Amino acid sequence: MSSIADNIRSVTRRIQKATKAAARADGSVSLLAVSKTRPAEDLREAAASGQLAFGENYLQEALDKISALSDLPGLEWHFIGPIQSNKTRAIAEHFQWVHSVDRLKVARRLSEQRPQDLPPLNICLQVNVDNEDSKSGCRLEELPELAAAVSELPRLSLRGLMAIPDPDQPEDRLRASFRALANGLDQLRQQENVNGPLDTLSMGMSGDLELAIAEGATLVRVGTAMFGARDDSR
């Protein structure tokens, strides 16, 4: 059975190979370990191998891990799950990144509740690129207005976009979904009333990270290929 360290090396090689194949600069794609449902000991093992960025979906579970691993320097916590309005304060106080902002109400609360002694909270807007009824995210046509409003909030830094396309669709359609998100970010960069680094495309997972990198991903979210099959019984 492969260790987490072995899996990290394997995923890193995949990212490097895909980056080279896409004629992109070495190091232009970062790895986010999707650690939901994983015990803190697994994250500690990953951190010992140099993986410091972790993505969590469930707030209380994440807060428990943040506390349990507070002795480790340099960990970076990303909230990647759906956001309920009553959870925004804890997210604003404990995370460095939020990938799943899809409405202005949530963004305003995160900005208002971000502690003044912390840097601005890094934000990705979640886009429902396939217009799936079961998925969170704003529609592409709503993106210009939402991005303009979010980018004006004082305690947030609009870093880019995130999407979770349907992984079961044919490869050409999946590639088109990734391309649509990349085009959406390019258009925001041309929009005069949108401020922020706009340097992040959070897309691609264990099974499709090569396609995502080919279409411009700067951050891939990998869980299964790093930690093995997860327990989704909760």
Protein backbone atom coordinates (compact mmCIF):
# COMPACT_ATOMS: atom_id res chain seq x y z
CA MET A 1 0.00 0.00 0.00
CA SER A 2 1.45 3.37 -1.01
CA SER A 3 2.18 5.89 1.71
CA ILE A 4 0.86 9.43 1.62
CA ALA A 5 4.41 10.59 0.89
CA ASP A 6 4.58 8.24 -2.12
CA ASN A 7 1.23 9.51 -3.35
CA ILE A 8 2.31 13.14 -3.04
CA ARG A 9 5.40 12.41 -5.12
CA SER A 10 3.25 10.64 -7.73
CA VAL A 11 0.74 13.50 -7.97
CA THR A 12 3.56 16.04 -8.12
CA ARG A 13 5.11 14.17 -11.04
CA ARG A 14 1.75 14.18 -12.83
CA ILE A 15 1.45 17.93 -12.33
CA GLN A 16 4.99 18.54 -13.57
CA LYS A 17 4.46 16.34 -16.63
CA ALA A 18 1.13 18.03 -17.49
CA THR A 19 2.64 21.48 -16.98
CA LYS A 20 5.49 20.67 -19.34
CA ALA A 21 3.11 19.18 -21.92
CA ALA A 22 1.09 22.40 -21.85
CA ALA A 23 4.29 24.44 -22.43
CA ARG A 24 3.74 26.26 -19.17
CA ALA A 25 6.36 27.43 -16.67
CA ASP A 26 7.59 24.92 -14.14
CA GLY A 27 5.94 25.63 -10.79
CA SER A 28 2.97 27.50 -12.28
CA VAL A 29 0.49 24.94 -10.89
CA SER A 30 0.12 24.38 -7.16
CA LEU A 31 -1.34 21.40 -5.32
CA LEU A 32 -4.15 21.66 -2.78
CA ALA A 33 -4.67 18.53 -0.68
CA VAL A 34 -8.40 17.90 -0.28
CA SER A 35 -8.42 16.57 3.25
CA LYS A 36 -12.11 16.41 4.16
CA THR A 37 -12.97 13.34 6.30
CA ARG A 38 -9.25 12.65 6.78
CA PRO A 39 -7.86 12.46 10.32
CA ALA A 40 -5.37 15.06 11.45
CA GLU A 41 -2.67 12.37 11.51
CA ASP A 42 -2.95 12.01 7.71
CA LEU A 43 -2.48 15.74 7.27
CA ARG A 44 0.49 15.66 9.62
CA GLU A 45 2.04 12.93 7.47
CA ALA A 46 1.42 14.98 4.32
CA ALA A 47 2.94 18.07 5.93
CA ALA A 48 6.07 16.08 6.81
CA SER A 49 6.46 15.52 3.05
CA GLY A 50 6.14 19.22 2.31
CA GLN A 51 2.42 19.48 1.52
CA LEU A 52 1.24 22.52 3.47
CA ALA A 53 -1.99 23.63 1.72
CA PHE A 54 -5.16 21.78 2.74
CA GLY A 55 -8.74 22.12 1.51
CA GLU A 56 -11.65 21.41 3.84
CA ASN A 57 -15.39 21.19 3.19
CA TYR A 58 -16.86 20.78 6.67
CA LEU A 59 -16.33 23.65 9.06
CA GLN A 60 -16.34 21.97 12.48
CA GLU A 61 -14.15 19.14 11.23
CA ALA A 62 -11.74 21.70 9.79
CA LEU A 63 -11.62 23.73 13.00
CA ASP A 64 -10.76 20.60 14.96
CA LYS A 65 -7.86 19.87 12.60
CA ILE A 66 -6.64 23.46 12.63
CA SER A 67 -6.46 23.22 16.42
CA ALA A 68 -4.86 19.76 16.43
CA LEU A 69 -2.16 20.84 13.97
CA SER A 70 -1.50 24.30 15.40
CA ASP A 71 2.03 23.22 16.32
CA LEU A 72 2.97 22.88 12.62
CA PRO A 73 4.32 26.06 11.02
CA GLY A 74 3.26 27.29 7.61
CA LEU A 75 0.00 25.40 7.10
CA GLU A 76 -2.42 27.10 4.69
CA TRP A 77 -6.13 26.39 5.12
CA HIS A 78 -8.57 26.64 2.21
CA PHE A 79 -12.34 26.39 2.69
CA ILE A 80 -13.77 24.71 -0.41
CA GLY A 81 -17.27 23.62 0.64
CA PRO A 82 -20.69 25.29 0.46
CA ILE A 83 -20.94 28.27 2.79
CA GLN A 84 -23.87 28.84 5.13
CA SER A 85 -24.32 32.43 6.29
CA ASN A 86 -24.09 31.43 9.96
CA LYS A 87 -20.63 29.89 9.36
CA THR A 88 -18.93 32.89 7.78
CA ARG A 89 -17.40 34.30 10.98
CA ALA A 90 -15.45 31.14 11.79
CA ILE A 91 -14.33 30.83 8.16
CA ALA A 92 -13.19 34.46 8.09
CA GLU A 93 -11.25 33.99 11.31
CA HIS A 94 -9.48 30.69 10.63
CA PHE A 95 -8.86 30.28 6.89
CA GLN A 96 -6.47 31.94 4.45
CA TRP A 97 -8.48 31.07 1.33
CA VAL A 98 -12.14 30.52 0.43
CA HIS A 99 -12.86 28.94 -2.96
CA SER A 100 -16.63 28.66 -2.77
CA VAL A 101 -18.05 32.20 -2.69
CA ASP A 102 -21.01 32.32 -5.07
CA ARG A 103 -23.13 35.23 -3.79
CA LEU A 104 -22.53 38.74 -2.60
CA LYS A 105 -24.21 38.28 0.79
CA VAL A 106 -21.62 35.70 1.82
CA ALA A 107 -18.75 37.80 0.49
CA ARG A 108 -19.92 40.84 2.47
CA ARG A 109 -20.12 38.82 5.67
CA LEU A 110 -16.63 37.38 5.14
CA SER A 111 -15.24 40.88 4.59
CA GLU A 112 -17.00 42.34 7.63
CA GLN A 113 -15.93 39.45 9.86
CA ARG A 114 -12.30 39.14 8.73
CA PRO A 115 -10.14 40.17 11.73
CA GLN A 116 -8.24 43.40 11.22
CA ASP A 117 -4.98 41.84 12.37
CA LEU A 118 -5.07 39.26 9.55
CA PRO A 119 -4.26 39.85 5.87
CA PRO A 120 -7.21 40.15 3.47
CA LEU A 121 -8.95 36.83 2.89
CA ASN A 122 -8.13 35.29 -0.50
CA ILE A 123 -11.32 34.63 -2.45
CA CYS A 124 -12.22 32.53 -5.49
CA LEU A 125 -15.70 32.86 -6.93
CA GLN A 126 -17.33 29.50 -7.56
CA VAL A 127 -18.85 29.20 -11.03
CA ASN A 128 -21.40 26.61 -12.09
CA VAL A 129 -19.90 26.21 -15.55
CA ASP A 130 -22.22 23.36 -16.58
CA ASN A 131 -25.40 25.00 -15.21
CA GLU A 132 -26.14 21.92 -13.10
CA ASP A 133 -29.13 22.32 -10.79
CA SER A 134 -27.42 20.22 -8.12
CA LYS A 135 -24.24 22.32 -8.04
CA SER A 136 -23.42 25.50 -6.16
CA GLY A 137 -21.93 28.43 -7.99
CA CYS A 138 -22.96 31.49 -9.92
CA ARG A 139 -23.67 31.32 -13.65
CA LEU A 140 -21.08 32.62 -16.06
CA GLU A 141 -23.39 35.43 -17.12
CA GLU A 142 -23.66 36.57 -13.47
CA LEU A 143 -19.89 36.65 -13.00
CA PRO A 144 -19.06 40.21 -14.19
CA GLU A 145 -21.48 41.88 -11.78
CA LEU A 146 -20.61 39.62 -8.84
CA ALA A 147 -16.85 39.99 -9.36
CA ALA A 148 -17.08 43.78 -9.55
CA ALA A 149 -18.98 43.93 -6.27
CA VAL A 150 -16.79 41.42 -4.42
CA SER A 151 -13.58 43.08 -5.57
CA GLU A 152 -14.63 46.31 -3.81
CA LEU A 153 -14.96 44.69 -0.38
CA PRO A 154 -12.12 45.93 1.82
CA ARG A 155 -11.07 42.78 3.69
CA LEU A 156 -11.07 40.44 0.69
CA SER A 157 -8.61 39.83 -2.15
CA LEU A 158 -10.25 38.50 -5.30
CA ARG A 159 -7.79 35.90 -6.53
CA GLY A 160 -9.80 34.14 -9.24
CA LEU A 161 -12.35 31.47 -10.01
CA MET A 162 -13.19 27.91 -8.98
CA ALA A 163 -15.38 25.28 -10.62
CA ILE A 164 -16.30 21.63 -10.17
CA PRO A 165 -17.39 20.45 -13.63
CA ASP A 166 -19.25 17.18 -14.01
CA PRO A 167 -16.41 14.60 -14.07
CA ASP A 168 -18.60 12.02 -15.83
CA GLN A 169 -19.14 14.03 -19.00
CA PRO A 170 -17.17 13.16 -22.16
CA GLU A 171 -13.60 14.43 -22.28
CA ASP A 172 -14.30 17.05 -24.93
CA ARG A 173 -17.12 18.53 -22.88
CA LEU A 174 -15.04 18.44 -19.70
CA ARG A 175 -12.24 20.24 -21.49
CA ALA A 176 -14.78 22.80 -22.74
CA SER A 177 -15.96 23.38 -19.16
CA PHE A 178 -12.41 24.08 -18.01
CA ARG A 179 -11.88 26.36 -20.99
CA ALA A 180 -15.08 28.27 -20.19
CA LEU A 181 -13.80 29.00 -16.68
CA ALA A 182 -10.43 30.12 -18.03
CA ASN A 183 -12.17 32.41 -20.53
CA GLY A 184 -14.30 33.80 -17.71
CA LEU A 185 -11.17 34.77 -15.78
CA ASP A 186 -9.61 36.34 -18.87
CA GLN A 187 -12.72 38.45 -19.34
CA LEU A 188 -12.63 39.63 -15.72
CA ARG A 189 -9.05 40.75 -16.22
CA GLN A 190 -10.27 43.03 -19.02
CA GLN A 191 -13.09 44.44 -16.90
CA GLU A 192 -12.15 47.89 -15.61
CA ASN A 193 -14.36 47.74 -12.52
CA VAL A 194 -12.86 44.48 -11.19
CA ASN A 195 -9.89 44.76 -8.84
CA GLY A 196 -7.62 42.06 -7.45
CA PRO A 197 -4.76 39.79 -8.44
CA LEU A 198 -7.05 37.55 -10.56
CA ASP A 199 -4.23 35.03 -10.77
CA THR A 200 -5.94 31.79 -9.73
CA LEU A 201 -7.90 29.13 -11.59
CA SER A 202 -8.90 26.48 -9.05
CA MET A 203 -9.98 23.55 -11.20
CA GLY A 204 -9.06 19.93 -11.75
CA MET A 205 -9.10 16.95 -9.36
CA SER A 206 -7.52 13.51 -9.08
CA GLY A 207 -9.06 12.13 -12.26
CA ASP A 208 -8.84 15.13 -14.56
CA LEU A 209 -5.99 17.34 -13.41
CA GLU A 210 -4.10 16.91 -16.70
CA LEU A 211 -7.02 18.29 -18.70
CA ALA A 212 -7.43 21.17 -16.26
CA ILE A 213 -3.75 22.09 -16.45
CA ALA A 214 -3.88 21.98 -20.25
CA GLU A 215 -6.68 24.56 -20.07
CA GLY A 216 -4.94 26.87 -17.61
CA ALA A 217 -5.47 25.63 -14.05
CA THR A 218 -3.10 27.23 -11.56
CA LEU A 219 -4.30 25.15 -8.60
CA VAL A 220 -5.57 21.56 -8.64
CA ARG A 221 -7.56 20.06 -5.77
CA VAL A 222 -6.50 16.47 -5.13
CA GLY A 223 -7.90 14.13 -2.48
CA THR A 224 -8.27 10.53 -3.61
CA ALA A 225 -4.93 10.30 -5.43
CA MET A 226 -3.21 11.58 -2.29
CA PHE A 227 -5.10 9.96 0.58
CA GLY A 228 -6.97 7.09 -1.10
CA ALA A 229 -10.72 6.59 -1.32
CA ARG A 230 -12.51 8.67 1.30
CA ASP A 231 -15.41 7.93 3.59
CA ASP A 232 -18.44 9.82 2.26
CA SER A 233 -20.90 8.24 4.69
CA ARG A 234 -21.37 11.48 6.66
